[in-house]
Amino acid sequence: MRLPILLSLLLWSPLAWAGTACFEKASGKWLGDYCSSCDPGSCVKNWVTNNPQLGYTADQIDERQASEAEGKTLVEAVNKPIREAREAKRQQRVEKVKQKLSLTDKEFEDLQEALR
C-alpha cells in the first residue's frame, strides 16, 4: 500500500513544480530567469554568475518554485512587447516600401507572393 502512494508522489511532484524562477527580494520583480530543470539554489547561482554587470548578490535574489505554466507566462510577459515592437517595425518598413513603389495593399501582397 505504501509503495503506490510513494510512487505517485514521486511521479506527480516533478509535474507540479517544473522549475524555479528568480525574483528581486526587495520589490518582488521577476528578474527574467526561469529554469525548468534546475536544482534548488542553482537559479540564484546562475543569475549572479551570468549577470555580474547588474550588481545583484545572492542575498538580494529570491528563488521560488514555479510550474511550467507559470514559467511560460513569465517568459511570455517579457517576449510579448519585444515581438510587438518587432512587428510594428516590420509594418513600418512595409508601409515605406509600398509608398515608394506606389502600390496598393493588393498589389503589394501580389508582389510578396511572387517573390516567395
Protein backbone atom coordinates (compact mmCIF):
# COMPACT_ATOMS: atom_id res chain seq x y z
CA MET A 1 0.00 0.00 0.00
CA ARG A 2 2.81 2.43 0.78
CA LEU A 3 4.66 1.75 -2.45
CA PRO A 4 1.89 3.01 -4.80
CA ILE A 5 1.45 6.15 -2.70
CA LEU A 6 5.19 6.80 -2.68
CA LEU A 7 5.45 6.21 -6.42
CA SER A 8 2.52 8.51 -7.15
CA LEU A 9 4.12 11.28 -5.06
CA LEU A 10 7.45 10.86 -6.81
CA LEU A 11 5.84 10.92 -10.24
CA TRP A 12 3.46 13.78 -9.52
CA SER A 13 5.82 16.25 -7.86
CA PRO A 14 8.05 16.91 -10.90
CA LEU A 15 4.96 17.61 -12.96
CA ALA A 16 3.51 20.03 -10.45
CA TRP A 17 6.71 22.03 -9.93
CA ALA A 18 8.67 22.01 -13.12
CA GLY A 19 11.19 24.71 -12.31
CA THR A 20 12.35 27.77 -10.44
CA ALA A 21 12.24 31.50 -11.12
CA CYS A 22 14.38 34.32 -9.70
CA PHE A 23 12.77 37.39 -8.15
CA GLU A 24 14.24 40.51 -6.57
CA LYS A 25 13.63 40.24 -2.81
CA ALA A 26 13.05 43.96 -2.24
CA SER A 27 10.45 44.54 -4.94
CA GLY A 28 9.27 41.04 -5.86
CA LYS A 29 10.02 41.87 -9.51
CA TRP A 30 10.81 38.89 -11.76
CA LEU A 31 14.41 39.12 -12.93
CA GLY A 32 13.85 37.34 -16.21
CA ASP A 33 15.30 33.97 -15.27
CA TYR A 34 13.26 30.79 -15.32
CA CYS A 35 14.94 27.41 -15.15
CA SER A 36 12.73 24.45 -15.97
CA SER A 37 15.08 21.76 -14.69
CA CYS A 38 17.34 23.32 -12.06
CA ASP A 39 18.38 22.07 -8.68
CA PRO A 40 17.35 24.22 -5.70
CA GLY A 41 19.74 27.14 -5.37
CA SER A 42 21.11 26.93 -8.90
CA CYS A 43 18.75 29.58 -10.27
CA VAL A 44 20.22 32.20 -7.91
CA LYS A 45 23.78 30.99 -8.51
CA ASN A 46 23.31 31.10 -12.29
CA TRP A 47 21.75 34.57 -12.15
CA VAL A 48 24.57 36.06 -10.06
CA THR A 49 27.27 34.33 -12.14
CA ASN A 50 25.82 35.16 -15.57
CA ASN A 51 24.78 38.76 -14.83
CA PRO A 52 27.57 40.38 -12.77
CA GLN A 53 27.04 43.72 -14.55
CA LEU A 54 23.65 44.07 -12.82
CA GLY A 55 25.25 44.04 -9.38
CA TYR A 56 22.94 41.58 -7.63
CA THR A 57 24.22 39.41 -4.83
CA ALA A 58 22.75 36.04 -3.86
CA ASP A 59 21.10 37.50 -0.75
CA GLN A 60 19.18 40.05 -2.89
CA ILE A 61 17.54 37.33 -5.01
CA ASP A 62 14.64 35.11 -4.03
CA GLU A 63 14.26 31.77 -5.76
CA ARG A 64 10.70 30.47 -5.99
CA GLN A 65 9.27 27.29 -7.38
CA ALA A 66 7.15 27.81 -10.46
CA SER A 67 5.10 25.43 -12.53
CA GLU A 68 5.82 25.09 -16.21
CA ALA A 69 2.69 27.12 -16.98
CA GLU A 70 3.84 29.93 -14.68
CA GLY A 71 7.27 29.85 -16.30
CA LYS A 72 5.73 30.16 -19.75
CA THR A 73 3.59 33.06 -18.51
CA LEU A 74 6.65 34.86 -17.12
CA VAL A 75 8.65 34.36 -20.31
CA GLU A 76 5.69 35.43 -22.46
CA ALA A 77 5.35 38.63 -20.42
CA VAL A 78 8.89 39.54 -21.46
CA ASN A 79 8.71 38.30 -25.06
CA LYS A 80 5.34 39.82 -26.00
CA PRO A 81 6.44 43.51 -26.00
CA ILE A 82 9.60 42.55 -27.93
CA ARG A 83 7.58 40.66 -30.51
CA GLU A 84 5.07 43.52 -30.82
CA ALA A 85 7.84 46.09 -31.30
CA ARG A 86 9.48 43.90 -33.94
CA GLU A 87 6.15 43.53 -35.78
CA ALA A 88 5.48 47.29 -35.62
CA LYS A 89 8.93 47.99 -37.08
CA ARG A 90 8.35 45.44 -39.86
CA GLN A 91 4.98 47.04 -40.64
CA GLN A 92 6.63 50.49 -40.87
CA ARG A 93 9.15 49.10 -43.37
CA VAL A 94 6.32 47.56 -45.40
CA GLU A 95 4.44 50.85 -45.49
CA LYS A 96 7.59 52.70 -46.55
CA VAL A 97 8.20 50.28 -49.43
CA LYS A 98 4.54 50.43 -50.52
CA GLN A 99 4.70 54.21 -50.54
CA LYS A 100 7.96 54.34 -52.52
CA LEU A 101 6.65 51.88 -55.10
CA SER A 102 3.15 53.45 -55.13
CA LEU A 103 1.48 50.07 -54.57
CA THR A 104 -1.94 49.28 -53.18
CA ASP A 105 -2.31 46.68 -50.47
CA LYS A 106 -3.43 44.07 -53.02
CA GLU A 107 -0.54 44.86 -55.37
CA PHE A 108 1.94 44.61 -52.52
CA GLU A 109 0.50 41.26 -51.41
CA ASP A 110 0.79 40.00 -55.00
CA LEU A 111 4.40 41.19 -55.14
CA GLN A 112 5.21 39.43 -51.87
CA GLU A 113 3.61 36.22 -53.14
CA ALA A 114 5.55 36.41 -56.39
CA LEU A 115 8.84 36.85 -54.52
CA ARG A 116 8.25 33.79 -52.34
